[in-house]
């Protein structure tokens, strides 16, 4: 009786507190997993962006090369 209350009033709150802590841990793990997935997706997008720019530069280089060749053909005549 020195505890200052009935155990029947305290025990249900202890169970809810344990459930709340478990839920927090699960949510923390889920958010960490989502963060890792987002990091992977960002890395993949960066790689795709680099490939896209290399393709654009390649197309521009081909167009400029053909233009220069056309100018050289005209000036050689």
PDB file of N, CA and C in Angstrom:
ATOM      1  N   UNK A   1       0.807  -1.192   0.000  1.00  0.00           N
ATOM      2  CA  UNK A   1       0.000   0.000   0.000  1.00  0.00           C
ATOM      3  C   UNK A   1       0.850   1.256   0.000  1.00  0.00           C
ATOM      4  N   UNK A   2       2.149   1.120   0.144  1.00  0.00           N
ATOM      5  CA  UNK A   2       3.037   2.279   0.168  1.00  0.00           C
ATOM      6  C   UNK A   2       3.228   2.871  -1.221  1.00  0.00           C
ATOM      7  N   UNK A   3       2.806   2.157  -2.220  1.00  0.00           N
ATOM      8  CA  UNK A   3       2.973   2.613  -3.597  1.00  0.00           C
ATOM      9  C   UNK A   3       2.096   3.798  -3.925  1.00  0.00           C
ATOM     10  N   UNK A   4       1.024   3.964  -3.287  1.00  0.00           N
ATOM     11  CA  UNK A   4       0.187   5.119  -3.507  1.00  0.00           C
ATOM     12  C   UNK A   4      -0.869   4.913  -4.575  1.00  0.00           C
ATOM     13  N   UNK A   5      -1.455   3.779  -4.655  1.00  0.00           N
ATOM     14  CA  UNK A   5      -2.521   3.570  -5.625  1.00  0.00           C
ATOM     15  C   UNK A   5      -2.743   2.105  -5.898  1.00  0.00           C
ATOM     16  N   UNK A   6      -3.777   1.850  -6.599  1.00  0.00           N
ATOM     17  CA  UNK A   6      -4.135   0.482  -6.902  1.00  0.00           C
ATOM     18  C   UNK A   6      -3.371  -0.003  -8.123  1.00  0.00           C
ATOM     19  N   UNK A   7      -2.919  -1.219  -8.076  1.00  0.00           N
ATOM     20  CA  UNK A   7      -2.206  -1.772  -9.230  1.00  0.00           C
ATOM     21  C   UNK A   7      -3.151  -1.949 -10.413  1.00  0.00           C
ATOM     22  N   UNK A   8      -4.433  -2.079 -10.149  1.00  0.00           N
ATOM     23  CA  UNK A   8      -5.408  -2.238 -11.218  1.00  0.00           C
ATOM     24  C   UNK A   8      -5.570  -0.955 -12.031  1.00  0.00           C
ATOM     25  N   UNK A   9      -5.203   0.159 -11.446  1.00  0.00           N
ATOM     26  CA  UNK A   9      -5.242   1.418 -12.183  1.00  0.00           C
ATOM     27  C   UNK A   9      -3.957   1.653 -12.966  1.00  0.00           C
ATOM     28  N   UNK A  10      -2.835   1.146 -12.488  1.00  0.00           N
ATOM     29  CA  UNK A  10      -1.530   1.411 -13.113  1.00  0.00           C
ATOM     30  C   UNK A  10      -1.173   0.404 -14.208  1.00  0.00           C
ATOM     31  N   UNK A  11      -1.535  -0.861 -14.018  1.00  0.00           N
ATOM     32  CA  UNK A  11      -1.125  -1.898 -14.970  1.00  0.00           C
ATOM     33  C   UNK A  11      -1.667  -1.678 -16.379  1.00  0.00           C
ATOM     34  N   UNK A  12      -2.910  -1.280 -16.569  1.00  0.00           N
ATOM     35  CA  UNK A  12      -3.374  -1.049 -17.949  1.00  0.00           C
ATOM     36  C   UNK A  12      -2.582   0.055 -18.657  1.00  0.00           C
ATOM     37  N   UNK A  13      -2.165   1.074 -17.912  1.00  0.00           N
ATOM     38  CA  UNK A  13      -1.379   2.147 -18.531  1.00  0.00           C
ATOM     39  C   UNK A  13       0.008   1.663 -18.914  1.00  0.00           C
ATOM     40  N   UNK A  14       0.569   0.752 -18.146  1.00  0.00           N
ATOM     41  CA  UNK A  14       1.879   0.202 -18.472  1.00  0.00           C
ATOM     42  C   UNK A  14       1.815  -0.579 -19.780  1.00  0.00           C
ATOM     43  N   UNK A  15       0.735  -1.311 -19.968  1.00  0.00           N
ATOM     44  CA  UNK A  15       0.565  -2.083 -21.211  1.00  0.00           C
ATOM     45  C   UNK A  15       0.449  -1.137 -22.395  1.00  0.00           C
ATOM     46  N   UNK A  16      -0.323  -0.072 -22.242  1.00  0.00           N
ATOM     47  CA  UNK A  16      -0.478   0.894 -23.327  1.00  0.00           C
ATOM     48  C   UNK A  16       0.840   1.609 -23.619  1.00  0.00           C
ATOM     49  N   UNK A  17       1.602   1.869 -22.575  1.00  0.00           N
ATOM     50  CA  UNK A  17       2.900   2.515 -22.769  1.00  0.00           C
ATOM     51  C   UNK A  17       3.842   1.606 -23.550  1.00  0.00           C
ATOM     52  N   UNK A  18       3.825   0.320 -23.262  1.00  0.00           N
ATOM     53  CA  UNK A  18       4.663  -0.631 -23.986  1.00  0.00           C
ATOM     54  C   UNK A  18       4.229  -0.721 -25.447  1.00  0.00           C
ATOM     55  N   UNK A  19       2.933  -0.716 -25.690  1.00  0.00           N
ATOM     56  CA  UNK A  19       2.439  -0.739 -27.066  1.00  0.00           C
ATOM     57  C   UNK A  19       2.844   0.517 -27.810  1.00  0.00           C
ATOM     58  N   UNK A  20       2.756   1.649 -27.127  1.00  0.00           N
ATOM     59  CA  UNK A  20       3.143   2.923 -27.743  1.00  0.00           C
ATOM     60  C   UNK A  20       4.618   2.926 -28.095  1.00  0.00           C
ATOM     61  N   UNK A  21       5.469   2.432 -27.193  1.00  0.00           N
ATOM     62  CA  UNK A  21       6.913   2.363 -27.465  1.00  0.00           C
ATOM     63  C   UNK A  21       7.200   1.411 -28.625  1.00  0.00           C
ATOM     64  N   UNK A  22       6.504   0.282 -28.663  1.00  0.00           N
ATOM     65  CA  UNK A  22       6.696  -0.672 -29.763  1.00  0.00           C
ATOM     66  C   UNK A  22       6.266  -0.061 -31.084  1.00  0.00           C
ATOM     67  N   UNK A  23       5.156   0.667 -31.072  1.00  0.00           N
ATOM     68  CA  UNK A  23       4.688   1.329 -32.288  1.00  0.00           C
ATOM     69  C   UNK A  23       5.680   2.376 -32.753  1.00  0.00           C
ATOM     70  N   UNK A  24       6.258   3.119 -31.815  1.00  0.00           N
ATOM     71  CA  UNK A  24       7.270   4.117 -32.172  1.00  0.00           C
ATOM     72  C   UNK A  24       8.490   3.469 -32.813  1.00  0.00           C
ATOM     73  N   UNK A  25       8.933   2.357 -32.257  1.00  0.00           N
ATOM     74  CA  UNK A  25      10.096   1.656 -32.817  1.00  0.00           C
ATOM     75  C   UNK A  25       9.803   1.162 -34.231  1.00  0.00           C
ATOM     76  N   UNK A  26       8.613   0.596 -34.418  1.00  0.00           N
ATOM     77  CA  UNK A  26       8.230   0.098 -35.746  1.00  0.00           C
ATOM     78  C   UNK A  26       8.184   1.239 -36.751  1.00  0.00           C
ATOM     79  N   UNK A  27       7.592   2.367 -36.349  1.00  0.00           N
ATOM     80  CA  UNK A  27       7.509   3.518 -37.247  1.00  0.00           C
ATOM     81  C   UNK A  27       8.900   4.052 -37.568  1.00  0.00           C
ATOM     82  N   UNK A  28       9.784   4.059 -36.592  1.00  0.00           N
ATOM     83  CA  UNK A  28      11.155   4.511 -36.826  1.00  0.00           C
ATOM     84  C   UNK A  28      11.852   3.619 -37.853  1.00  0.00           C
ATOM     85  N   UNK A  29      11.670   2.303 -37.721  1.00  0.00           N
ATOM     86  CA  UNK A  29      12.264   1.374 -38.688  1.00  0.00           C
ATOM     87  C   UNK A  29      11.665   1.562 -40.077  1.00  0.00           C
ATOM     88  N   UNK A  30      10.358   1.786 -40.133  1.00  0.00           N
ATOM     89  CA  UNK A  30       9.711   1.982 -41.433  1.00  0.00           C
ATOM     90  C   UNK A  30      10.205   3.254 -42.103  1.00  0.00           C
ATOM     91  N   UNK A  31      10.331   4.329 -41.334  1.00  0.00           N
ATOM     92  CA  UNK A  31      10.828   5.576 -41.904  1.00  0.00           C
ATOM     93  C   UNK A  31      12.279   5.446 -42.358  1.00  0.00           C
ATOM     94  N   UNK A  32      13.076   4.701 -41.614  1.00  0.00           N
ATOM     95  CA  UNK A  32      14.464   4.475 -42.019  1.00  0.00           C
ATOM     96  C   UNK A  32      14.506   3.709 -43.341  1.00  0.00           C
ATOM     97  N   UNK A  33      13.639   2.713 -43.481  1.00  0.00           N
ATOM     98  CA  UNK A  33      13.579   1.936 -44.728  1.00  0.00           C
ATOM     99  C   UNK A  33      13.144   2.817 -45.892  1.00  0.00           C
ATOM    100  N   UNK A  34      12.146   3.663 -45.664  1.00  0.00           N
ATOM    101  CA  UNK A  34      11.683   4.576 -46.714  1.00  0.00           C
ATOM    102  C   UNK A  34      12.808   5.532 -47.103  1.00  0.00           C
ATOM    103  N   UNK A  35      13.553   6.018 -46.126  1.00  0.00           N
ATOM    104  CA  UNK A  35      14.674   6.923 -46.398  1.00  0.00           C
ATOM    105  C   UNK A  35      15.735   6.237 -47.264  1.00  0.00           C
ATOM    106  N   UNK A  36      16.037   4.979 -46.948  1.00  0.00           N
ATOM    107  CA  UNK A  36      17.015   4.231 -47.765  1.00  0.00           C
ATOM    108  C   UNK A  36      16.511   4.051 -49.193  1.00  0.00           C
ATOM    109  N   UNK A  37      15.244   3.728 -49.340  1.00  0.00           N
ATOM    110  CA  UNK A  37      14.676   3.560 -50.685  1.00  0.00           C
ATOM    111  C   UNK A  37      14.715   4.867 -51.462  1.00  0.00           C
ATOM    112  N   UNK A  38      14.389   5.970 -50.800  1.00  0.00           N
ATOM    113  CA  UNK A  38      14.444   7.267 -51.476  1.00  0.00           C
ATOM    114  C   UNK A  38      15.863   7.616 -51.899  1.00  0.00           C
ATOM    115  N   UNK A  39      16.841   7.286 -51.060  1.00  0.00           N
ATOM    116  CA  UNK A  39      18.237   7.532 -51.437  1.00  0.00           C
ATOM    117  C   UNK A  39      18.615   6.734 -52.682  1.00  0.00           C
ATOM    118  N   UNK A  40      18.173   5.470 -52.739  1.00  0.00           N
ATOM    119  CA  UNK A  40      18.458   4.650 -53.922  1.00  0.00           C
ATOM    120  C   UNK A  40      17.783   5.226 -55.163  1.00  0.00           C
ATOM    121  N   UNK A  41      16.538   5.658 -55.011  1.00  0.00           N
ATOM    122  CA  UNK A  41      15.810   6.233 -56.143  1.00  0.00           C
ATOM    123  C   UNK A  41      16.488   7.500 -56.621  1.00  0.00           C
ATOM    124  N   UNK A  42      16.935   8.344 -55.681  1.00  0.00           N
ATOM    125  CA  UNK A  42      17.642   9.565 -56.066  1.00  0.00           C
ATOM    126  C   UNK A  42      18.917   9.246 -56.830  1.00  0.00           C
ATOM    127  N   UNK A  43      19.644   8.234 -56.385  1.00  0.00           N
ATOM    128  CA  UNK A  43      20.855   7.819 -57.095  1.00  0.00           C
ATOM    129  C   UNK A  43      20.550   7.338 -58.502  1.00  0.00           C
ATOM    130  N   UNK A  44      19.471   6.584 -58.645  1.00  0.00           N
ATOM    131  CA  UNK A  44      19.086   6.104 -59.965  1.00  0.00           C
ATOM    132  C   UNK A  44      18.669   7.261 -60.867  1.00  0.00           C
ATOM    133  N   UNK A  45      17.967   8.232 -60.313  1.00  0.00           N
ATOM    134  CA  UNK A  45      17.548   9.393 -61.103  1.00  0.00           C
ATOM    135  C   UNK A  45      18.756  10.202 -61.544  1.00  0.00           C
ATOM    136  N   UNK A  46      19.744  10.366 -60.659  1.00  0.00           N
ATOM    137  CA  UNK A  46      20.956  11.092 -61.037  1.00  0.00           C
ATOM    138  C   UNK A  46      21.686  10.388 -62.175  1.00  0.00           C
ATOM    139  N   UNK A  47      21.781   9.060 -62.095  1.00  0.00           N
ATOM    140  CA  UNK A  47      22.416   8.305 -63.176  1.00  0.00           C
ATOM    141  C   UNK A  47      21.661   8.456 -64.486  1.00  0.00           C
ATOM    142  N   UNK A  48      20.339   8.416 -64.420  1.00  0.00           N
ATOM    143  CA  UNK A  48      19.516   8.583 -65.607  1.00  0.00           C
ATOM    144  C   UNK A  48      19.681   9.985 -66.187  1.00  0.00           C
ATOM    145  N   UNK A  49      19.770  10.973 -65.314  1.00  0.00           N
ATOM    146  CA  UNK A  49      19.943  12.350 -65.771  1.00  0.00           C
ATOM    147  C   UNK A  49      21.280  12.510 -66.495  1.00  0.00           C
ATOM    148  N   UNK A  50      22.328  11.898 -65.960  1.00  0.00           N
ATOM    149  CA  UNK A  50      23.639  11.964 -66.623  1.00  0.00           C
ATOM    150  C   UNK A  50      23.575  11.323 -68.012  1.00  0.00           C
ATOM    151  N   UNK A  51      22.923  10.176 -68.104  1.00  0.00           N
ATOM    152  CA  UNK A  51      22.793   9.515 -69.403  1.00  0.00           C
ATOM    153  C   UNK A  51      21.998  10.361 -70.384  1.00  0.00           C
ATOM    154  N   UNK A  52      20.957  10.994 -69.895  1.00  0.00           N
ATOM    155  CA  UNK A  52      20.142  11.848 -70.751  1.00  0.00           C
ATOM    156  C   UNK A  52      20.964  13.008 -71.294  1.00  0.00           C
ATOM    157  N   UNK A  53      21.737  13.676 -70.442  1.00  0.00           N
ATOM    158  CA  UNK A  53      22.558  14.791 -70.912  1.00  0.00           C
ATOM    159  C   UNK A  53      23.639  14.325 -71.881  1.00  0.00           C
ATOM    160  N   UNK A  54      24.210  13.153 -71.652  1.00  0.00           N
ATOM    161  CA  UNK A  54      25.207  12.630 -72.597  1.00  0.00           C
ATOM    162  C   UNK A  54      24.560  12.371 -73.957  1.00  0.00           C
ATOM    163  N   UNK A  55      23.326  11.887 -73.960  1.00  0.00           N
ATOM    164  CA  UNK A  55      22.605  11.677 -75.215  1.00  0.00           C
ATOM    165  C   UNK A  55      22.355  13.000 -75.918  1.00  0.00           C
ATOM    166  N   UNK A  56      21.933  14.011 -75.171  1.00  0.00           N
ATOM    167  CA  UNK A  56      21.685  15.333 -75.758  1.00  0.00           C
ATOM    168  C   UNK A  56      22.975  15.886 -76.357  1.00  0.00           C
ATOM    169  N   UNK A  57      24.072  15.803 -75.597  1.00  0.00           N
ATOM    170  CA  UNK A  57      25.354  16.301 -76.117  1.00  0.00           C
ATOM    171  C   UNK A  57      25.790  15.523 -77.348  1.00  0.00           C
ATOM    172  N   UNK A  58      25.537  14.224 -77.376  1.00  0.00           N
ATOM    173  CA  UNK A  58      25.898  13.416 -78.537  1.00  0.00           C
ATOM    174  C   UNK A  58      25.103  13.819 -79.764  1.00  0.00           C
ATOM    175  N   UNK A  59      23.810  14.048 -79.600  1.00  0.00           N
ATOM    176  CA  UNK A  59      22.975  14.468 -80.730  1.00  0.00           C
ATOM    177  C   UNK A  59      23.435  15.832 -81.247  1.00  0.00           C
ATOM    178  N   UNK A  60      23.707  16.749 -80.341  1.00  0.00           N
ATOM    179  CA  UNK A  60      24.191  18.083 -80.744  1.00  0.00           C
ATOM    180  C   UNK A  60      25.523  17.958 -81.471  1.00  0.00           C
ATOM    181  N   UNK A  61      26.401  17.093 -80.989  1.00  0.00           N
ATOM    182  CA  UNK A  61      27.705  16.906 -81.646  1.00  0.00           C
ATOM    183  C   UNK A  61      27.524  16.359 -83.058  1.00  0.00           C
ATOM    184  N   UNK A  62      26.617  15.412 -83.242  1.00  0.00           N
ATOM    185  CA  UNK A  62      26.377  14.857 -84.576  1.00  0.00           C
ATOM    186  C   UNK A  62      25.827  15.932 -85.511  1.00  0.00           C
ATOM    187  N   UNK A  63      24.887  16.726 -85.023  1.00  0.00           N
ATOM    188  CA  UNK A  63      24.306  17.786 -85.852  1.00  0.00           C
ATOM    189  C   UNK A  63      25.373  18.807 -86.236  1.00  0.00           C
ATOM    190  N   UNK A  64      26.200  19.210 -85.269  1.00  0.00           N
ATOM    191  CA  UNK A  64      27.263  20.180 -85.574  1.00  0.00           C
ATOM    192  C   UNK A  64      28.292  19.593 -86.538  1.00  0.00           C
ATOM    193  N   UNK A  65      28.603  18.329 -86.369  1.00  0.00           N
ATOM    194  CA  UNK A  65      29.559  17.687 -87.278  1.00  0.00           C
ATOM    195  C   UNK A  65      29.011  17.668 -88.701  1.00  0.00           C
ATOM    196  N   UNK A  66      27.756  17.330 -88.854  1.00  0.00           N
ATOM    197  CA  UNK A  66      27.165  17.321 -90.192  1.00  0.00           C
ATOM    198  C   UNK A  66      27.122  18.725 -90.781  1.00  0.00           C
ATOM    199  N   UNK A  67      26.851  19.719 -89.952  1.00  0.00           N
ATOM    200  CA  UNK A  67      26.840  21.106 -90.447  1.00  0.00           C
ATOM    201  C   UNK A  67      28.228  21.529 -90.908  1.00  0.00           C
ATOM    202  N   UNK A  68      29.244  21.201 -90.138  1.00  0.00           N
ATOM    203  CA  UNK A  68      30.621  21.560 -90.517  1.00  0.00           C
ATOM    204  C   UNK A  68      31.017  20.820 -91.780  1.00  0.00           C
ATOM    205  N   UNK A  69      30.663  19.558 -91.906  1.00  0.00           N
ATOM    206  CA  UNK A  69      30.980  18.804 -93.115  1.00  0.00           C
ATOM    207  C   UNK A  69      30.284  19.410 -94.336  1.00  0.00           C
ATOM    208  N   UNK A  70      29.044  19.841 -94.145  1.00  0.00           N
ATOM    209  CA  UNK A  70      28.318  20.485 -95.245  1.00  0.00           C
ATOM    210  C   UNK A  70      28.991  21.783 -95.655  1.00  0.00           C
ATOM    211  N   UNK A  71      29.447  22.563 -94.696  1.00  0.00           N
ATOM    212  CA  UNK A  71      30.144  23.820 -95.011  1.00  0.00           C
ATOM    213  C   UNK A  71      31.454  23.531 -95.720  1.00  0.00           C
ATOM    214  N   UNK A  72      32.188  22.520 -95.263  1.00  0.00           N
ATOM    215  CA  UNK A  72      33.459  22.173 -95.903  1.00  0.00           C
ATOM    216  C   UNK A  72      33.232  21.675 -97.333  1.00  0.00           C
ATOM    217  N   UNK A  73      32.182  20.917 -97.559  1.00  0.00           N
ATOM    218  CA  UNK A  73      31.888  20.439 -98.924  1.00  0.00           C
ATOM    219  C   UNK A  73      31.572  21.618 -99.842  1.00  0.00           C
ATOM    220  N   UNK A  74      30.837  22.588 -99.343  1.00  0.00           N
ATOM    221  CA  UNK A  74      30.477  23.758-100.173  1.00  0.00           C
ATOM    222  C   UNK A  74      31.719  24.600-100.484  1.00  0.00           C
ATOM    223  N   UNK A  75      32.606  24.784 -99.506  1.00  0.00           N
ATOM    224  CA  UNK A  75      33.780  25.623 -99.730  1.00  0.00           C
ATOM    225  C   UNK A  75      34.828  24.936-100.609  1.00  0.00           C
ATOM    226  N   UNK A  76      34.827  23.636-100.687  1.00  0.00           N
ATOM    227  CA  UNK A  76      35.815  22.920-101.505  1.00  0.00           C
ATOM    228  C   UNK A  76      35.426  22.917-102.982  1.00  0.00           C
ATOM    229  N   UNK A  77      34.238  23.230-103.333  1.00  0.00           N
ATOM    230  CA  UNK A  77      33.789  23.209-104.721  1.00  0.00           C
ATOM    231  C   UNK A  77      34.221  24.423-105.454  1.00  0.00           C
TER     232      UNK A  77
END
